[in-house]
PDB file of N, CA and C in Angstrom:
ATOM      1  N   MET A   1       0.824  -1.178   0.000  1.00  0.00           N
ATOM      2  CA  MET A   1       0.000   0.000   0.000  1.00  0.00           C
ATOM      3  C   MET A   1       0.874   1.251   0.000  1.00  0.00           C
ATOM      4  N   PRO A   2       1.492   1.542  -1.104  1.00  0.00           N
ATOM      5  CA  PRO A   2       2.394   2.677  -1.133  1.00  0.00           C
ATOM      6  C   PRO A   2       1.722   4.008  -0.846  1.00  0.00           C
ATOM      7  N   GLY A   3       0.529   4.276  -1.336  1.00  0.00           N
ATOM      8  CA  GLY A   3      -0.143   5.546  -1.151  1.00  0.00           C
ATOM      9  C   GLY A   3      -0.586   5.806   0.268  1.00  0.00           C
ATOM     10  N   VAL A   4      -0.735   4.757   1.036  1.00  0.00           N
ATOM     11  CA  VAL A   4      -1.220   4.870   2.407  1.00  0.00           C
ATOM     12  C   VAL A   4      -0.253   5.663   3.273  1.00  0.00           C
ATOM     13  N   ASN A   5       1.020   5.553   3.006  1.00  0.00           N
ATOM     14  CA  ASN A   5       2.020   6.194   3.853  1.00  0.00           C
ATOM     15  C   ASN A   5       2.019   7.715   3.755  1.00  0.00           C
ATOM     16  N   VAL A   6       1.330   8.290   2.796  1.00  0.00           N
ATOM     17  CA  VAL A   6       1.284   9.749   2.685  1.00  0.00           C
ATOM     18  C   VAL A   6       0.180  10.365   3.535  1.00  0.00           C
ATOM     19  N   ILE A   7      -0.749   9.579   4.002  1.00  0.00           N
ATOM     20  CA  ILE A   7      -1.873  10.091   4.796  1.00  0.00           C
ATOM     21  C   ILE A   7      -1.401  10.915   5.992  1.00  0.00           C
ATOM     22  N   PRO A   8      -0.422  10.442   6.786  1.00  0.00           N
ATOM     23  CA  PRO A   8       0.008  11.243   7.941  1.00  0.00           C
ATOM     24  C   PRO A   8       0.572  12.611   7.557  1.00  0.00           C
ATOM     25  N   ASN A   9       1.022  12.789   6.336  1.00  0.00           N
ATOM     26  CA  ASN A   9       1.557  14.087   5.906  1.00  0.00           C
ATOM     27  C   ASN A   9       0.493  15.179   5.920  1.00  0.00           C
ATOM     28  N   TYR A  10      -0.759  14.804   5.909  1.00  0.00           N
ATOM     29  CA  TYR A  10      -1.858  15.767   5.887  1.00  0.00           C
ATOM     30  C   TYR A  10      -2.435  16.036   7.269  1.00  0.00           C
ATOM     31  N   ILE A  11      -1.821  15.470   8.304  1.00  0.00           N
ATOM     32  CA  ILE A  11      -2.307  15.627   9.674  1.00  0.00           C
ATOM     33  C   ILE A  11      -1.376  16.567  10.430  1.00  0.00           C
ATOM     34  N   ASN A  12      -1.931  17.649  10.981  1.00  0.00           N
ATOM     35  CA  ASN A  12      -1.136  18.638  11.696  1.00  0.00           C
ATOM     36  C   ASN A  12      -0.833  18.244  13.139  1.00  0.00           C
ATOM     37  N   ASP A  13      -1.777  17.603  13.807  1.00  0.00           N
ATOM     38  CA  ASP A  13      -1.609  17.205  15.202  1.00  0.00           C
ATOM     39  C   ASP A  13      -0.569  16.080  15.279  1.00  0.00           C
ATOM     40  N   GLN A  14       0.552  16.346  15.951  1.00  0.00           N
ATOM     41  CA  GLN A  14       1.661  15.384  15.979  1.00  0.00           C
ATOM     42  C   GLN A  14       1.288  14.067  16.658  1.00  0.00           C
ATOM     43  N   ASN A  15       0.522  14.128  17.752  1.00  0.00           N
ATOM     44  CA  ASN A  15       0.110  12.902  18.440  1.00  0.00           C
ATOM     45  C   ASN A  15      -0.769  12.038  17.548  1.00  0.00           C
ATOM     46  N   LEU A  16      -1.737  12.672  16.886  1.00  0.00           N
ATOM     47  CA  LEU A  16      -2.616  11.936  15.984  1.00  0.00           C
ATOM     48  C   LEU A  16      -1.821  11.389  14.800  1.00  0.00           C
ATOM     49  N   LYS A  17      -0.900  12.189  14.298  1.00  0.00           N
ATOM     50  CA  LYS A  17      -0.067  11.770  13.169  1.00  0.00           C
ATOM     51  C   LYS A  17       0.722  10.503  13.520  1.00  0.00           C
ATOM     52  N   ASN A  18       1.340  10.502  14.698  1.00  0.00           N
ATOM     53  CA  ASN A  18       2.093   9.324  15.141  1.00  0.00           C
ATOM     54  C   ASN A  18       1.185   8.114  15.326  1.00  0.00           C
ATOM     55  N   ASP A  19       0.015   8.353  15.901  1.00  0.00           N
ATOM     56  CA  ASP A  19      -0.956   7.289  16.129  1.00  0.00           C
ATOM     57  C   ASP A  19      -1.413   6.673  14.795  1.00  0.00           C
ATOM     58  N   ILE A  20      -1.745   7.527  13.847  1.00  0.00           N
ATOM     59  CA  ILE A  20      -2.212   7.052  12.539  1.00  0.00           C
ATOM     60  C   ILE A  20      -1.089   6.314  11.817  1.00  0.00           C
ATOM     61  N   GLN A  21       0.143   6.811  11.897  1.00  0.00           N
ATOM     62  CA  GLN A  21       1.272   6.149  11.249  1.00  0.00           C
ATOM     63  C   GLN A  21       1.462   4.736  11.802  1.00  0.00           C
ATOM     64  N   GLY A  22       1.350   4.608  13.121  1.00  0.00           N
ATOM     65  CA  GLY A  22       1.441   3.283  13.738  1.00  0.00           C
ATOM     66  C   GLY A  22       0.331   2.363  13.277  1.00  0.00           C
ATOM     67  N   ASP A  23      -0.879   2.906  13.231  1.00  0.00           N
ATOM     68  CA  ASP A  23      -2.022   2.108  12.769  1.00  0.00           C
ATOM     69  C   ASP A  23      -1.844   1.677  11.318  1.00  0.00           C
ATOM     70  N   LEU A  24      -1.327   2.573  10.483  1.00  0.00           N
ATOM     71  CA  LEU A  24      -1.122   2.246   9.074  1.00  0.00           C
ATOM     72  C   LEU A  24      -0.044   1.180   8.900  1.00  0.00           C
ATOM     73  N   SER A  25       0.997   1.250   9.693  1.00  0.00           N
ATOM     74  CA  SER A  25       2.049   0.227   9.634  1.00  0.00           C
ATOM     75  C   SER A  25       1.488  -1.137   9.998  1.00  0.00           C
ATOM     76  N   GLU A  26       0.647  -1.158  11.027  1.00  0.00           N
ATOM     77  CA  GLU A  26       0.008  -2.410  11.430  1.00  0.00           C
ATOM     78  C   GLU A  26      -0.931  -2.907  10.333  1.00  0.00           C
ATOM     79  N   LEU A  27      -1.689  -2.002   9.744  1.00  0.00           N
ATOM     80  CA  LEU A  27      -2.611  -2.367   8.669  1.00  0.00           C
ATOM     81  C   LEU A  27      -1.862  -2.992   7.495  1.00  0.00           C
ATOM     82  N   ILE A  28      -0.762  -2.402   7.119  1.00  0.00           N
ATOM     83  CA  ILE A  28       0.031  -2.943   6.010  1.00  0.00           C
ATOM     84  C   ILE A  28       0.495  -4.355   6.336  1.00  0.00           C
ATOM     85  N   SER A  29       0.909  -4.564   7.561  1.00  0.00           N
ATOM     86  CA  SER A  29       1.390  -5.878   7.981  1.00  0.00           C
ATOM     87  C   SER A  29       0.281  -6.931   7.967  1.00  0.00           C
ATOM     88  N   ILE A  30      -0.883  -6.596   8.535  1.00  0.00           N
ATOM     89  CA  ILE A  30      -1.943  -7.601   8.644  1.00  0.00           C
ATOM     90  C   ILE A  30      -2.700  -7.819   7.334  1.00  0.00           C
ATOM     91  N   SER A  31      -2.498  -6.943   6.361  1.00  0.00           N
ATOM     92  CA  SER A  31      -3.243  -7.087   5.102  1.00  0.00           C
ATOM     93  C   SER A  31      -2.398  -7.635   3.960  1.00  0.00           C
ATOM     94  N   LYS A  32      -1.225  -8.185   4.265  1.00  0.00           N
ATOM     95  CA  LYS A  32      -0.358  -8.730   3.218  1.00  0.00           C
ATOM     96  C   LYS A  32      -1.047  -9.821   2.404  1.00  0.00           C
ATOM     97  N   PHE A  33      -1.883 -10.615   3.066  1.00  0.00           N
ATOM     98  CA  PHE A  33      -2.572 -11.678   2.346  1.00  0.00           C
ATOM     99  C   PHE A  33      -3.504 -11.114   1.278  1.00  0.00           C
ATOM    100  N   CYS A  34      -4.037  -9.931   1.506  1.00  0.00           N
ATOM    101  CA  CYS A  34      -4.906  -9.287   0.522  1.00  0.00           C
ATOM    102  C   CYS A  34      -4.108  -8.873  -0.711  1.00  0.00           C
ATOM    103  N   LYS A  35      -2.930  -8.337  -0.485  1.00  0.00           N
ATOM    104  CA  LYS A  35      -2.096  -7.883  -1.592  1.00  0.00           C
ATOM    105  C   LYS A  35      -1.657  -9.056  -2.453  1.00  0.00           C
ATOM    106  N   GLN A  36      -1.326 -10.181  -1.825  1.00  0.00           N
ATOM    107  CA  GLN A  36      -0.941 -11.372  -2.587  1.00  0.00           C
ATOM    108  C   GLN A  36      -2.083 -11.799  -3.505  1.00  0.00           C
ATOM    109  N   ARG A  37      -3.278 -11.795  -2.990  1.00  0.00           N
ATOM    110  CA  ARG A  37      -4.441 -12.185  -3.789  1.00  0.00           C
ATOM    111  C   ARG A  37      -4.682 -11.198  -4.931  1.00  0.00           C
ATOM    112  N   ARG A  38      -4.575  -9.918  -4.607  1.00  0.00           N
ATOM    113  CA  ARG A  38      -4.757  -8.901  -5.639  1.00  0.00           C
ATOM    114  C   ARG A  38      -3.743  -9.097  -6.755  1.00  0.00           C
ATOM    115  N   ASN A  39      -2.495  -9.321  -6.382  1.00  0.00           N
ATOM    116  CA  ASN A  39      -1.453  -9.489  -7.388  1.00  0.00           C
ATOM    117  C   ASN A  39      -1.684 -10.715  -8.262  1.00  0.00           C
ATOM    118  N   LYS A  40      -2.092 -11.799  -7.656  1.00  0.00           N
ATOM    119  CA  LYS A  40      -2.271 -13.044  -8.404  1.00  0.00           C
ATOM    120  C   LYS A  40      -3.549 -13.047  -9.233  1.00  0.00           C
ATOM    121  N   ASN A  41      -4.641 -12.560  -8.676  1.00  0.00           N
ATOM    122  CA  ASN A  41      -5.949 -12.684  -9.324  1.00  0.00           C
ATOM    123  C   ASN A  41      -6.343 -11.506 -10.195  1.00  0.00           C
ATOM    124  N   ILE A  42      -5.990 -10.314  -9.790  1.00  0.00           N
ATOM    125  CA  ILE A  42      -6.536  -9.140 -10.464  1.00  0.00           C
ATOM    126  C   ILE A  42      -5.470  -8.372 -11.233  1.00  0.00           C
ATOM    127  N   ALA A  43      -4.506  -7.848 -10.515  1.00  0.00           N
ATOM    128  CA  ALA A  43      -3.582  -6.884 -11.116  1.00  0.00           C
ATOM    129  C   ALA A  43      -2.633  -7.488 -12.128  1.00  0.00           C
ATOM    130  N   HIS A  44      -2.019  -8.580 -11.800  1.00  0.00           N
ATOM    131  CA  HIS A  44      -0.966  -9.105 -12.658  1.00  0.00           C
ATOM    132  C   HIS A  44      -1.415 -10.294 -13.495  1.00  0.00           C
ATOM    133  N   MET A  45      -2.555 -10.847 -13.162  1.00  0.00           N
ATOM    134  CA  MET A  45      -3.069 -12.011 -13.885  1.00  0.00           C
ATOM    135  C   MET A  45      -1.957 -13.047 -14.089  1.00  0.00           C
ATOM    136  N   ASP A  46      -1.398 -13.513 -12.995  1.00  0.00           N
ATOM    137  CA  ASP A  46      -0.320 -14.493 -13.008  1.00  0.00           C
ATOM    138  C   ASP A  46      -0.736 -15.698 -13.862  1.00  0.00           C
ATOM    139  N   PHE A  47      -0.040 -15.901 -14.955  1.00  0.00           N
ATOM    140  CA  PHE A  47      -0.406 -16.912 -15.951  1.00  0.00           C
ATOM    141  C   PHE A  47      -0.458 -18.308 -15.342  1.00  0.00           C
ATOM    142  N   ASP A  48       0.620 -18.719 -14.647  1.00  0.00           N
ATOM    143  CA  ASP A  48       0.649 -20.053 -14.052  1.00  0.00           C
ATOM    144  C   ASP A  48      -0.436 -20.216 -12.997  1.00  0.00           C
ATOM    145  N   PHE A  49      -0.652 -19.178 -12.210  1.00  0.00           N
ATOM    146  CA  PHE A  49      -1.676 -19.237 -11.171  1.00  0.00           C
ATOM    147  C   PHE A  49      -3.059 -19.413 -11.791  1.00  0.00           C
ATOM    148  N   MET A  50      -3.340 -18.647 -12.848  1.00  0.00           N
ATOM    149  CA  MET A  50      -4.648 -18.720 -13.490  1.00  0.00           C
ATOM    150  C   MET A  50      -4.883 -20.078 -14.150  1.00  0.00           C
ATOM    151  N   LEU A  51      -3.816 -20.708 -14.649  1.00  0.00           N
ATOM    152  CA  LEU A  51      -3.941 -22.020 -15.280  1.00  0.00           C
ATOM    153  C   LEU A  51      -3.849 -23.160 -14.278  1.00  0.00           C
ATOM    154  N   ASP A  52      -3.542 -22.819 -13.023  1.00  0.00           N
ATOM    155  CA  ASP A  52      -3.428 -23.795 -11.943  1.00  0.00           C
ATOM    156  C   ASP A  52      -2.384 -24.864 -12.268  1.00  0.00           C
ATOM    157  N   THR A  53      -1.230 -24.440 -12.754  1.00  0.00           N
ATOM    158  CA  THR A  53      -0.156 -25.378 -13.061  1.00  0.00           C
ATOM    159  C   THR A  53       0.513 -25.836 -11.780  1.00  0.00           C
ATOM    160  N   ASN A  54       1.292 -26.888 -11.874  1.00  0.00           N
ATOM    161  CA  ASN A  54       1.928 -27.470 -10.687  1.00  0.00           C
ATOM    162  C   ASN A  54       3.077 -26.629 -10.143  1.00  0.00           C
ATOM    163  N   ASN A  55       3.652 -25.775 -10.969  1.00  0.00           N
ATOM    164  CA  ASN A  55       4.811 -25.014 -10.525  1.00  0.00           C
ATOM    165  C   ASN A  55       4.450 -23.635  -9.978  1.00  0.00           C
ATOM    166  N   VAL A  56       3.248 -23.486  -9.511  1.00  0.00           N
ATOM    167  CA  VAL A  56       2.793 -22.191  -9.003  1.00  0.00           C
ATOM    168  C   VAL A  56       2.822 -22.180  -7.472  1.00  0.00           C
ATOM    169  N   GLU A  57       3.185 -21.030  -6.920  1.00  0.00           N
ATOM    170  CA  GLU A  57       3.166 -20.850  -5.475  1.00  0.00           C
ATOM    171  C   GLU A  57       1.722 -20.658  -5.021  1.00  0.00           C
ATOM    172  N   ARG A  58       1.273 -21.486  -4.129  1.00  0.00           N
ATOM    173  CA  ARG A  58      -0.103 -21.429  -3.637  1.00  0.00           C
ATOM    174  C   ARG A  58      -0.287 -20.286  -2.643  1.00  0.00           C
ATOM    175  N   LEU A  59      -1.435 -19.686  -2.688  1.00  0.00           N
ATOM    176  CA  LEU A  59      -1.769 -18.641  -1.722  1.00  0.00           C
ATOM    177  C   LEU A  59      -2.273 -19.283  -0.444  1.00  0.00           C
ATOM    178  N   GLU A  60      -1.916 -18.664   0.680  1.00  0.00           N
ATOM    179  CA  GLU A  60      -2.467 -19.155   1.934  1.00  0.00           C
ATOM    180  C   GLU A  60      -3.943 -18.780   1.995  1.00  0.00           C
ATOM    181  N   LEU A  61      -4.712 -19.590   2.684  1.00  0.00           N
ATOM    182  CA  LEU A  61      -6.138 -19.328   2.784  1.00  0.00           C
ATOM    183  C   LEU A  61      -6.391 -18.064   3.594  1.00  0.00           C
ATOM    184  N   ALA A  62      -7.338 -17.295   3.155  1.00  0.00           N
ATOM    185  CA  ALA A  62      -7.746 -16.098   3.890  1.00  0.00           C
ATOM    186  C   ALA A  62      -8.976 -16.460   4.709  1.00  0.00           C
ATOM    187  N   THR A  63      -8.890 -16.247   5.995  1.00  0.00           N
ATOM    188  CA  THR A  63     -10.009 -16.584   6.859  1.00  0.00           C
ATOM    189  C   THR A  63     -10.937 -15.372   7.030  1.00  0.00           C
ATOM    190  N   LYS A  64     -12.137 -15.659   7.428  1.00  0.00           N
ATOM    191  CA  LYS A  64     -13.099 -14.585   7.697  1.00  0.00           C
ATOM    192  C   LYS A  64     -12.570 -13.677   8.801  1.00  0.00           C
ATOM    193  N   LYS A  65     -11.925 -14.256   9.787  1.00  0.00           N
ATOM    194  CA  LYS A  65     -11.369 -13.485  10.911  1.00  0.00           C
ATOM    195  C   LYS A  65     -10.307 -12.509  10.418  1.00  0.00           C
ATOM    196  N   GLU A  66      -9.431 -12.947   9.515  1.00  0.00           N
ATOM    197  CA  GLU A  66      -8.390 -12.062   8.985  1.00  0.00           C
ATOM    198  C   GLU A  66      -9.006 -10.894   8.218  1.00  0.00           C
ATOM    199  N   ILE A  67      -9.995 -11.194   7.413  1.00  0.00           N
ATOM    200  CA  ILE A  67     -10.663 -10.150   6.629  1.00  0.00           C
ATOM    201  C   ILE A  67     -11.366  -9.159   7.561  1.00  0.00           C
ATOM    202  N   GLU A  68     -12.050  -9.669   8.571  1.00  0.00           N
ATOM    203  CA  GLU A  68     -12.727  -8.798   9.529  1.00  0.00           C
ATOM    204  C   GLU A  68     -11.728  -7.924  10.285  1.00  0.00           C
ATOM    205  N   THR A  69     -10.553  -8.470  10.599  1.00  0.00           N
ATOM    206  CA  THR A  69      -9.518  -7.715  11.300  1.00  0.00           C
ATOM    207  C   THR A  69      -9.016  -6.561  10.441  1.00  0.00           C
ATOM    208  N   VAL A  70      -8.792  -6.813   9.158  1.00  0.00           N
ATOM    209  CA  VAL A  70      -8.332  -5.761   8.246  1.00  0.00           C
ATOM    210  C   VAL A  70      -9.396  -4.671   8.125  1.00  0.00           C
ATOM    211  N   ILE A  71     -10.642  -5.063   7.950  1.00  0.00           N
ATOM    212  CA  ILE A  71     -11.733  -4.092   7.822  1.00  0.00           C
ATOM    213  C   ILE A  71     -11.866  -3.262   9.098  1.00  0.00           C
ATOM    214  N   ALA A  72     -11.777  -3.901  10.251  1.00  0.00           N
ATOM    215  CA  ALA A  72     -11.870  -3.185  11.529  1.00  0.00           C
ATOM    216  C   ALA A  72     -10.714  -2.196  11.681  1.00  0.00           C
ATOM    217  N   SER A  73      -9.538  -2.570  11.225  1.00  0.00           N
ATOM    218  CA  SER A  73      -8.382  -1.677  11.296  1.00  0.00           C
ATOM    219  C   SER A  73      -8.590  -0.450  10.416  1.00  0.00           C
ATOM    220  N   ILE A  74      -9.097  -0.655   9.221  1.00  0.00           N
ATOM    221  CA  ILE A  74      -9.379   0.468   8.313  1.00  0.00           C
ATOM    222  C   ILE A  74     -10.431   1.384   8.925  1.00  0.00           C
ATOM    223  N   GLN A  75     -11.490   0.803   9.483  1.00  0.00           N
ATOM    224  CA  GLN A  75     -12.542   1.602  10.111  1.00  0.00           C
ATOM    225  C   GLN A  75     -12.000   2.407  11.288  1.00  0.00           C
ATOM    226  N   SER A  76     -11.133   1.805  12.066  1.00  0.00           N
ATOM    227  CA  SER A  76     -10.551   2.489  13.216  1.00  0.00           C
ATOM    228  C   SER A  76      -9.729   3.699  12.775  1.00  0.00           C
ATOM    229  N   ILE A  77      -8.961   3.547  11.710  1.00  0.00           N
ATOM    230  CA  ILE A  77      -8.157   4.659  11.191  1.00  0.00           C
ATOM    231  C   ILE A  77      -9.062   5.777  10.716  1.00  0.00           C
ATOM    232  N   TYR A  78     -10.082   5.432   9.934  1.00  0.00           N
ATOM    233  CA  TYR A  78     -11.022   6.464   9.457  1.00  0.00           C
ATOM    234  C   TYR A  78     -11.709   7.174  10.620  1.00  0.00           C
ATOM    235  N   ASN A  79     -12.095   6.428  11.642  1.00  0.00           N
ATOM    236  CA  ASN A  79     -12.771   7.036  12.800  1.00  0.00           C
ATOM    237  C   ASN A  79     -11.842   7.994  13.538  1.00  0.00           C
ATOM    238  N   LYS A  80     -10.578   7.634  13.701  1.00  0.00           N
ATOM    239  CA  LYS A  80      -9.624   8.529  14.378  1.00  0.00           C
ATOM    240  C   LYS A  80      -9.436   9.823  13.586  1.00  0.00           C
ATOM    241  N   ILE A  81      -9.329   9.691  12.271  1.00  0.00           N
ATOM    242  CA  ILE A  81      -9.145  10.875  11.429  1.00  0.00           C
ATOM    243  C   ILE A  81     -10.381  11.743  11.470  1.00  0.00           C
ATOM    244  N   GLU A  82     -11.561  11.129  11.474  1.00  0.00           N
ATOM    245  CA  GLU A  82     -12.813  11.892  11.471  1.00  0.00           C
ATOM    246  C   GLU A  82     -12.960  12.717  12.750  1.00  0.00           C
ATOM    247  N   VAL A  83     -12.578  12.127  13.871  1.00  0.00           N
ATOM    248  CA  VAL A  83     -12.708  12.834  15.157  1.00  0.00           C
ATOM    249  C   VAL A  83     -11.750  13.980  15.185  1.00  0.00           C
TER     250      VAL A  83
END
């Protein structure tokens, strides 16, 4: 998520800026599984992955809990910025 790191540049309050930066770093870490899926399925259309060949690196399963955690993290960041 390269664009995400610029968000704190628009925040004047130093405490909030630090808080949001920490939250964004955590979000990037916990959402890596999403980026892998995006790269394989949507953005890059990985040829071997799409053909399901034997020499393809398998994606780890994404659980409902992981997805809910990422969504909750995004909501928390938006709520902090809104306040």
